[in-house]
PDB file of all heavy atoms in Angstrom:
ATOM      1  N   GLN A   1      -4.748  13.530   4.963  1.00  0.00           N
ATOM      2  CA  GLN A   1      -6.086  13.679   4.396  1.00  0.00           C
ATOM      3  C   GLN A   1      -6.148  14.975   3.624  1.00  0.00           C
ATOM      4  O   GLN A   1      -5.693  16.027   4.114  1.00  0.00           O
ATOM      5  CB  GLN A   1      -7.098  13.695   5.588  1.00  0.00           C
ATOM      6  CG  GLN A   1      -8.492  13.307   5.160  1.00  0.00           C
ATOM      7  CD  GLN A   1      -9.344  14.479   5.080  1.00  0.00           C
ATOM      8  OE1 GLN A   1      -9.053  15.595   5.501  1.00  0.00           O
ATOM      9  NE2 GLN A   1     -10.519  14.314   4.420  1.00  0.00           N
ATOM     10  N   LYS A   2      -6.607  14.931   2.423  1.00  0.00           N
ATOM     11  CA  LYS A   2      -6.458  16.059   1.493  1.00  0.00           C
ATOM     12  C   LYS A   2      -6.989  17.373   2.033  1.00  0.00           C
ATOM     13  O   LYS A   2      -6.357  18.430   1.920  1.00  0.00           O
ATOM     14  CB  LYS A   2      -7.271  15.769   0.211  1.00  0.00           C
ATOM     15  CG  LYS A   2      -6.542  14.749  -0.771  1.00  0.00           C
ATOM     16  CD  LYS A   2      -7.287  14.620  -2.021  1.00  0.00           C
ATOM     17  CE  LYS A   2      -6.557  13.672  -2.966  1.00  0.00           C
ATOM     18  NZ  LYS A   2      -7.228  13.486  -4.262  1.00  0.00           N
ATOM     19  N   GLU A   3      -8.116  17.356   2.764  1.00  0.00           N
ATOM     20  CA  GLU A   3      -8.652  18.574   3.321  1.00  0.00           C
ATOM     21  C   GLU A   3      -7.928  18.961   4.616  1.00  0.00           C
ATOM     22  O   GLU A   3      -8.173  20.028   5.173  1.00  0.00           O
ATOM     23  CB  GLU A   3     -10.170  18.450   3.590  1.00  0.00           C
ATOM     24  CG  GLU A   3     -11.056  18.389   2.338  1.00  0.00           C
ATOM     25  CD  GLU A   3     -10.972  17.009   1.678  1.00  0.00           C
ATOM     26  OE1 GLU A   3     -10.570  16.081   2.371  1.00  0.00           O
ATOM     27  OE2 GLU A   3     -11.350  16.883   0.535  1.00  0.00           O
ATOM     28  N   GLY A   4      -7.096  18.053   5.152  1.00  0.00           N
ATOM     29  CA  GLY A   4      -6.379  18.353   6.417  1.00  0.00           C
ATOM     30  C   GLY A   4      -7.270  18.420   7.650  1.00  0.00           C
ATOM     31  O   GLY A   4      -6.938  19.111   8.600  1.00  0.00           O
ATOM     32  N   LYS A   5      -8.353  17.664   7.604  1.00  0.00           N
ATOM     33  CA  LYS A   5      -9.366  17.729   8.681  1.00  0.00           C
ATOM     34  C   LYS A   5      -8.913  17.012   9.957  1.00  0.00           C
ATOM     35  O   LYS A   5      -9.344  17.299  11.077  1.00  0.00           O
ATOM     36  CB  LYS A   5     -10.689  17.161   8.220  1.00  0.00           C
ATOM     37  CG  LYS A   5     -11.400  18.029   7.154  1.00  0.00           C
ATOM     38  CD  LYS A   5     -12.744  17.377   6.787  1.00  0.00           C
ATOM     39  CE  LYS A   5     -13.425  18.271   5.735  1.00  0.00           C
ATOM     40  NZ  LYS A   5     -14.741  17.702   5.345  1.00  0.00           N
ATOM     41  N   ILE A   6      -7.987  16.007   9.745  1.00  0.00           N
ATOM     42  CA  ILE A   6      -7.432  15.277  10.904  1.00  0.00           C
ATOM     43  C   ILE A   6      -6.256  16.183  11.474  1.00  0.00           C
ATOM     44  O   ILE A   6      -5.110  16.059  10.972  1.00  0.00           O
ATOM     45  CB  ILE A   6      -6.949  13.867  10.549  1.00  0.00           C
ATOM     46  CG1 ILE A   6      -8.100  13.053   9.979  1.00  0.00           C
ATOM     47  CG2 ILE A   6      -6.367  13.168  11.745  1.00  0.00           C
ATOM     48  CD1 ILE A   6      -7.695  11.674   9.545  1.00  0.00           C
ATOM     49  N   ASP A   7      -6.581  16.981  12.442  1.00  0.00           N
ATOM     50  CA  ASP A   7      -5.601  17.945  12.957  1.00  0.00           C
ATOM     51  C   ASP A   7      -5.259  17.585  14.427  1.00  0.00           C
ATOM     52  O   ASP A   7      -6.020  17.840  15.314  1.00  0.00           O
ATOM     53  CB  ASP A   7      -6.209  19.318  12.925  1.00  0.00           C
ATOM     54  CG  ASP A   7      -5.144  20.405  13.270  1.00  0.00           C
ATOM     55  OD1 ASP A   7      -4.040  20.062  13.609  1.00  0.00           O
ATOM     56  OD2 ASP A   7      -5.515  21.580  13.253  1.00  0.00           O
ATOM     57  N   PRO A   8      -4.079  17.044  14.657  1.00  0.00           N
ATOM     58  CA  PRO A   8      -3.680  16.620  16.025  1.00  0.00           C
ATOM     59  C   PRO A   8      -3.564  17.782  16.993  1.00  0.00           C
ATOM     60  O   PRO A   8      -3.618  17.593  18.202  1.00  0.00           O
ATOM     61  CB  PRO A   8      -2.369  15.907  15.824  1.00  0.00           C
ATOM     62  CG  PRO A   8      -1.840  16.379  14.502  1.00  0.00           C
ATOM     63  CD  PRO A   8      -3.007  16.649  13.681  1.00  0.00           C
ATOM     64  N   ASP A   9      -3.367  19.026  16.471  1.00  0.00           N
ATOM     65  CA  ASP A   9      -3.290  20.192  17.390  1.00  0.00           C
ATOM     66  C   ASP A   9      -4.595  20.422  18.113  1.00  0.00           C
ATOM     67  O   ASP A   9      -4.578  21.047  19.178  1.00  0.00           O
ATOM     68  CB  ASP A   9      -2.914  21.436  16.566  1.00  0.00           C
ATOM     69  CG  ASP A   9      -1.434  21.410  16.167  1.00  0.00           C
ATOM     70  OD1 ASP A   9      -0.594  21.640  17.079  1.00  0.00           O
ATOM     71  OD2 ASP A   9      -1.117  21.243  14.961  1.00  0.00           O
ATOM     72  N   LYS A  10      -5.692  20.022  17.516  1.00  0.00           N
ATOM     73  CA  LYS A  10      -6.994  20.227  18.106  1.00  0.00           C
ATOM     74  C   LYS A  10      -7.503  18.996  18.941  1.00  0.00           C
ATOM     75  O   LYS A  10      -8.579  19.090  19.537  1.00  0.00           O
ATOM     76  CB  LYS A  10      -8.048  20.552  17.002  1.00  0.00           C
ATOM     77  CG  LYS A  10      -7.722  21.805  16.250  1.00  0.00           C
ATOM     78  CD  LYS A  10      -8.714  22.015  15.118  1.00  0.00           C
ATOM     79  CE  LYS A  10      -8.382  23.316  14.333  1.00  0.00           C
ATOM     80  NZ  LYS A  10      -9.360  23.511  13.233  1.00  0.00           N
ATOM     81  N   GLY A  11      -6.738  17.952  18.891  1.00  0.00           N
ATOM     82  CA  GLY A  11      -7.189  16.723  19.616  1.00  0.00           C
ATOM     83  C   GLY A  11      -7.883  15.802  18.679  1.00  0.00           C
ATOM     84  O   GLY A  11      -8.831  16.194  17.971  1.00  0.00           O
ATOM     85  N   ILE A  12      -7.456  14.567  18.580  1.00  0.00           N
ATOM     86  CA  ILE A  12      -8.005  13.566  17.645  1.00  0.00           C
ATOM     87  C   ILE A  12      -8.228  12.240  18.391  1.00  0.00           C
ATOM     88  O   ILE A  12      -7.534  11.954  19.405  1.00  0.00           O
ATOM     89  CB  ILE A  12      -7.174  13.386  16.434  1.00  0.00           C
ATOM     90  CG1 ILE A  12      -5.739  12.958  16.793  1.00  0.00           C
ATOM     91  CG2 ILE A  12      -7.122  14.615  15.568  1.00  0.00           C
ATOM     92  CD1 ILE A  12      -4.850  12.711  15.597  1.00  0.00           C
ATOM     93  N   THR A  13      -9.073  11.411  17.907  1.00  0.00           N
ATOM     94  CA  THR A  13      -9.325  10.079  18.481  1.00  0.00           C
ATOM     95  C   THR A  13      -8.096   9.172  18.166  1.00  0.00           C
ATOM     96  O   THR A  13      -7.275   9.493  17.317  1.00  0.00           O
ATOM     97  CB  THR A  13     -10.598   9.419  17.966  1.00  0.00           C
ATOM     98  OG1 THR A  13     -10.405   9.164  16.536  1.00  0.00           O
ATOM     99  CG2 THR A  13     -11.796  10.315  18.125  1.00  0.00           C
ATOM    100  N   LEU A  14      -8.043   8.058  18.871  1.00  0.00           N
ATOM    101  CA  LEU A  14      -6.973   7.103  18.649  1.00  0.00           C
ATOM    102  C   LEU A  14      -7.035   6.463  17.301  1.00  0.00           C
ATOM    103  O   LEU A  14      -6.003   6.102  16.697  1.00  0.00           O
ATOM    104  CB  LEU A  14      -6.911   6.049  19.767  1.00  0.00           C
ATOM    105  CG  LEU A  14      -6.443   6.594  21.141  1.00  0.00           C
ATOM    106  CD1 LEU A  14      -6.628   5.502  22.236  1.00  0.00           C
ATOM    107  CD2 LEU A  14      -4.997   6.960  21.088  1.00  0.00           C
ATOM    108  N   ASP A  15      -8.239   6.322  16.774  1.00  0.00           N
ATOM    109  CA  ASP A  15      -8.358   5.809  15.420  1.00  0.00           C
ATOM    110  C   ASP A  15      -7.750   6.752  14.411  1.00  0.00           C
ATOM    111  O   ASP A  15      -7.012   6.417  13.505  1.00  0.00           O
ATOM    112  CB  ASP A  15      -9.863   5.584  15.057  1.00  0.00           C
ATOM    113  CG  ASP A  15     -10.354   4.204  15.396  1.00  0.00           C
ATOM    114  OD1 ASP A  15      -9.555   3.265  15.212  1.00  0.00           O
ATOM    115  OD2 ASP A  15     -11.529   4.056  15.853  1.00  0.00           O
ATOM    116  N   GLU A  16      -8.086   8.080  14.556  1.00  0.00           N
ATOM    117  CA  GLU A  16      -7.529   9.106  13.697  1.00  0.00           C
ATOM    118  C   GLU A  16      -5.988   9.241  13.867  1.00  0.00           C
ATOM    119  O   GLU A  16      -5.275   9.394  12.904  1.00  0.00           O
ATOM    120  CB  GLU A  16      -8.236  10.414  13.977  1.00  0.00           C
ATOM    121  CG  GLU A  16      -9.720  10.463  13.600  1.00  0.00           C
ATOM    122  CD  GLU A  16     -10.405  11.691  14.076  1.00  0.00           C
ATOM    123  OE1 GLU A  16     -10.000  12.254  15.158  1.00  0.00           O
ATOM    124  OE2 GLU A  16     -11.355  12.142  13.411  1.00  0.00           O
ATOM    125  N   ALA A  17      -5.582   9.129  15.130  1.00  0.00           N
ATOM    126  CA  ALA A  17      -4.141   9.247  15.352  1.00  0.00           C
ATOM    127  C   ALA A  17      -3.337   8.099  14.764  1.00  0.00           C
ATOM    128  O   ALA A  17      -2.272   8.269  14.162  1.00  0.00           O
ATOM    129  CB  ALA A  17      -3.842   9.290  16.887  1.00  0.00           C
ATOM    130  N   THR A  18      -3.920   6.876  14.836  1.00  0.00           N
ATOM    131  CA  THR A  18      -3.319   5.703  14.246  1.00  0.00           C
ATOM    132  C   THR A  18      -3.202   5.887  12.702  1.00  0.00           C
ATOM    133  O   THR A  18      -2.173   5.638  12.097  1.00  0.00           O
ATOM    134  CB  THR A  18      -4.126   4.422  14.542  1.00  0.00           C
ATOM    135  OG1 THR A  18      -4.184   4.259  15.969  1.00  0.00           O
ATOM    136  CG2 THR A  18      -3.483   3.204  13.939  1.00  0.00           C
ATOM    137  N   ASN A  19      -4.249   6.400  12.080  1.00  0.00           N
ATOM    138  CA  ASN A  19      -4.283   6.655  10.613  1.00  0.00           C
ATOM    139  C   ASN A  19      -3.218   7.686  10.323  1.00  0.00           C
ATOM    140  O   ASN A  19      -2.473   7.641   9.337  1.00  0.00           O
ATOM    141  CB  ASN A  19      -5.666   7.132  10.234  1.00  0.00           C
ATOM    142  CG  ASN A  19      -5.742   7.398   8.764  1.00  0.00           C
ATOM    143  OD1 ASN A  19      -5.012   6.808   7.933  1.00  0.00           O
ATOM    144  ND2 ASN A  19      -6.592   8.337   8.410  1.00  0.00           N
ATOM    145  N   TRP A  20      -3.108   8.733  11.167  1.00  0.00           N
ATOM    146  CA  TRP A  20      -2.155   9.862  10.968  1.00  0.00           C
ATOM    147  C   TRP A  20      -0.756   9.341  11.012  1.00  0.00           C
ATOM    148  O   TRP A  20       0.071   9.600  10.049  1.00  0.00           O
ATOM    149  CB  TRP A  20      -2.407  10.891  12.040  1.00  0.00           C
ATOM    150  CG  TRP A  20      -1.766  12.244  11.742  1.00  0.00           C
ATOM    151  CD1 TRP A  20      -2.432  13.307  11.218  1.00  0.00           C
ATOM    152  CD2 TRP A  20      -0.455  12.668  12.028  1.00  0.00           C
ATOM    153  NE1 TRP A  20      -1.574  14.393  11.047  1.00  0.00           N
ATOM    154  CE2 TRP A  20      -0.364  14.063  11.575  1.00  0.00           C
ATOM    155  CE3 TRP A  20       0.646  12.110  12.571  1.00  0.00           C
ATOM    156  CZ2 TRP A  20       0.770  14.759  11.689  1.00  0.00           C
ATOM    157  CZ3 TRP A  20       1.839  12.790  12.724  1.00  0.00           C
ATOM    158  CH2 TRP A  20       1.904  14.159  12.259  1.00  0.00           C
ATOM    159  N   PHE A  21      -0.366   8.581  11.995  1.00  0.00           N
ATOM    160  CA  PHE A  21       1.042   8.082  12.106  1.00  0.00           C
ATOM    161  C   PHE A  21       1.359   7.034  11.063  1.00  0.00           C
ATOM    162  O   PHE A  21       2.446   7.018  10.537  1.00  0.00           O
ATOM    163  CB  PHE A  21       1.270   7.503  13.519  1.00  0.00           C
ATOM    164  CG  PHE A  21       1.480   8.529  14.585  1.00  0.00           C
ATOM    165  CD1 PHE A  21       0.596   8.651  15.653  1.00  0.00           C
ATOM    166  CD2 PHE A  21       2.600   9.329  14.540  1.00  0.00           C
ATOM    167  CE1 PHE A  21       0.801   9.602  16.637  1.00  0.00           C
ATOM    168  CE2 PHE A  21       2.790  10.305  15.543  1.00  0.00           C
ATOM    169  CZ  PHE A  21       1.884  10.421  16.591  1.00  0.00           C
ATOM    170  N   THR A  22       0.349   6.220  10.735  1.00  0.00           N
ATOM    171  CA  THR A  22       0.595   5.176   9.701  1.00  0.00           C
ATOM    172  C   THR A  22       0.897   5.791   8.319  1.00  0.00           C
ATOM    173  O   THR A  22       1.818   5.392   7.619  1.00  0.00           O
ATOM    174  CB  THR A  22      -0.652   4.275   9.612  1.00  0.00           C
ATOM    175  OG1 THR A  22      -0.856   3.632  10.872  1.00  0.00           O
ATOM    176  CG2 THR A  22      -0.410   3.151   8.549  1.00  0.00           C
ATOM    177  N   THR A  23       0.117   6.874   8.009  1.00  0.00           N
ATOM    178  CA  THR A  23       0.340   7.547   6.741  1.00  0.00           C
ATOM    179  C   THR A  23       1.654   8.280   6.702  1.00  0.00           C
ATOM    180  O   THR A  23       2.381   8.300   5.693  1.00  0.00           O
ATOM    181  CB  THR A  23      -0.784   8.595   6.497  1.00  0.00           C
ATOM    182  OG1 THR A  23      -2.083   7.878   6.566  1.00  0.00           O
ATOM    183  CG2 THR A  23      -0.695   9.182   5.112  1.00  0.00           C
ATOM    184  N   ILE A  24       2.014   8.883   7.826  1.00  0.00           N
ATOM    185  CA  ILE A  24       3.325   9.578   7.903  1.00  0.00           C
ATOM    186  C   ILE A  24       4.464   8.653   7.692  1.00  0.00           C
ATOM    187  O   ILE A  24       5.390   8.964   6.908  1.00  0.00           O
ATOM    188  CB  ILE A  24       3.442  10.344   9.273  1.00  0.00           C
ATOM    189  CG1 ILE A  24       2.439  11.456   9.380  1.00  0.00           C
ATOM    190  CG2 ILE A  24       4.868  10.851   9.497  1.00  0.00           C
ATOM    191  CD1 ILE A  24       2.514  12.515   8.333  1.00  0.00           C
ATOM    192  N   TRP A  25       4.403   7.508   8.332  1.00  0.00           N
ATOM    193  CA  TRP A  25       5.519   6.488   8.161  1.00  0.00           C
ATOM    194  C   TRP A  25       5.548   5.958   6.755  1.00  0.00           C
ATOM    195  O   TRP A  25       6.636   5.725   6.184  1.00  0.00           O
ATOM    196  CB  TRP A  25       5.355   5.386   9.224  1.00  0.00           C
ATOM    197  CG  TRP A  25       6.498   4.368   9.143  1.00  0.00           C
ATOM    198  CD1 TRP A  25       6.407   3.052   8.913  1.00  0.00           C
ATOM    199  CD2 TRP A  25       7.845   4.643   9.417  1.00  0.00           C
ATOM    200  NE1 TRP A  25       7.631   2.446   8.954  1.00  0.00           N
ATOM    201  CE2 TRP A  25       8.575   3.395   9.296  1.00  0.00           C
ATOM    202  CE3 TRP A  25       8.606   5.752   9.689  1.00  0.00           C
ATOM    203  CZ2 TRP A  25       9.906   3.273   9.439  1.00  0.00           C
ATOM    204  CZ3 TRP A  25      10.007   5.643   9.866  1.00  0.00           C
ATOM    205  CH2 TRP A  25      10.614   4.409   9.771  1.00  0.00           C
ATOM    206  N   GLU A  26       4.372   5.766   6.185  1.00  0.00           N
ATOM    207  CA  GLU A  26       4.321   5.238   4.831  1.00  0.00           C
ATOM    208  C   GLU A  26       4.956   6.220   3.843  1.00  0.00           C
ATOM    209  O   GLU A  26       5.562   5.829   2.804  1.00  0.00           O
ATOM    210  CB  GLU A  26       2.866   5.017   4.418  1.00  0.00           C
ATOM    211  CG  GLU A  26       2.650   4.378   3.068  1.00  0.00           C
ATOM    212  CD  GLU A  26       3.057   2.901   3.020  1.00  0.00           C
ATOM    213  OE1 GLU A  26       3.271   2.294   4.129  1.00  0.00           O
ATOM    214  OE2 GLU A  26       3.217   2.414   1.888  1.00  0.00           O
ATOM    215  N   ASN A  27       4.889   7.521   4.132  1.00  0.00           N
ATOM    216  CA  ASN A  27       5.457   8.545   3.219  1.00  0.00           C
ATOM    217  C   ASN A  27       6.666   9.232   3.833  1.00  0.00           C
ATOM    218  O   ASN A  27       6.939  10.393   3.443  1.00  0.00           O
ATOM    219  CB  ASN A  27       4.341   9.626   2.968  1.00  0.00           C
ATOM    220  CG  ASN A  27       3.130   9.039   2.217  1.00  0.00           C
ATOM    221  OD1 ASN A  27       3.206   8.938   1.008  1.00  0.00           O
ATOM    222  ND2 ASN A  27       2.098   8.707   2.934  1.00  0.00           N
ATOM    223  N   TYR A  28       7.379   8.523   4.657  1.00  0.00           N
ATOM    224  CA  TYR A  28       8.482   9.141   5.369  1.00  0.00           C
ATOM    225  C   TYR A  28       9.633   9.483   4.401  1.00  0.00           C
ATOM    226  O   TYR A  28      10.518  10.283   4.779  1.00  0.00           O
ATOM    227  CB  TYR A  28       8.966   8.268   6.500  1.00  0.00           C
ATOM    228  CG  TYR A  28       9.862   9.038   7.465  1.00  0.00           C
ATOM    229  CD1 TYR A  28       9.343  10.006   8.300  1.00  0.00           C
ATOM    230  CD2 TYR A  28      11.253   8.752   7.556  1.00  0.00           C
ATOM    231  CE1 TYR A  28      10.159  10.717   9.148  1.00  0.00           C
ATOM    232  CE2 TYR A  28      12.049   9.439   8.458  1.00  0.00           C
ATOM    233  CZ  TYR A  28      11.497  10.450   9.236  1.00  0.00           C
ATOM    234  OH  TYR A  28      12.264  11.141  10.122  1.00  0.00           O
ATOM    235  N   ASN A  29       9.692   8.907   3.196  1.00  0.00           N
ATOM    236  CA  ASN A  29      10.692   9.290   2.230  1.00  0.00           C
ATOM    237  C   ASN A  29      10.321  10.498   1.420  1.00  0.00           C
ATOM    238  O   ASN A  29      10.936  10.863   0.434  1.00  0.00           O
ATOM    239  CB  ASN A  29      10.917   8.092   1.294  1.00  0.00           C
ATOM    240  CG  ASN A  29      11.566   6.914   2.004  1.00  0.00           C
ATOM    241  OD1 ASN A  29      12.384   7.142   2.929  1.00  0.00           O
ATOM    242  ND2 ASN A  29      11.263   5.695   1.580  1.00  0.00           N
ATOM    243  N   ASP A  30       9.187  11.167   1.784  1.00  0.00           N
ATOM    244  CA  ASP A  30       8.649  12.322   1.083  1.00  0.00           C
ATOM    245  C   ASP A  30       9.671  13.451   1.156  1.00  0.00           C
ATOM    246  O   ASP A  30      10.515  13.573   2.083  1.00  0.00           O
ATOM    247  CB  ASP A  30       7.311  12.759   1.692  1.00  0.00           C
ATOM    248  CG  ASP A  30       6.667  13.860   0.867  1.00  0.00           C
ATOM    249  OD1 ASP A  30       6.024  13.511  -0.093  1.00  0.00           O
ATOM    250  OD2 ASP A  30       6.863  15.024   1.256  1.00  0.00           O
TER     251      ASP A  30
END
């Protein structure tokens, strides 16, 4: 997320965590 507001270090919901991991895997060739 451009602003980096979804920060797992601070604790995030499972919806946000799912979005976080999905995006990471989608861009894993970065």
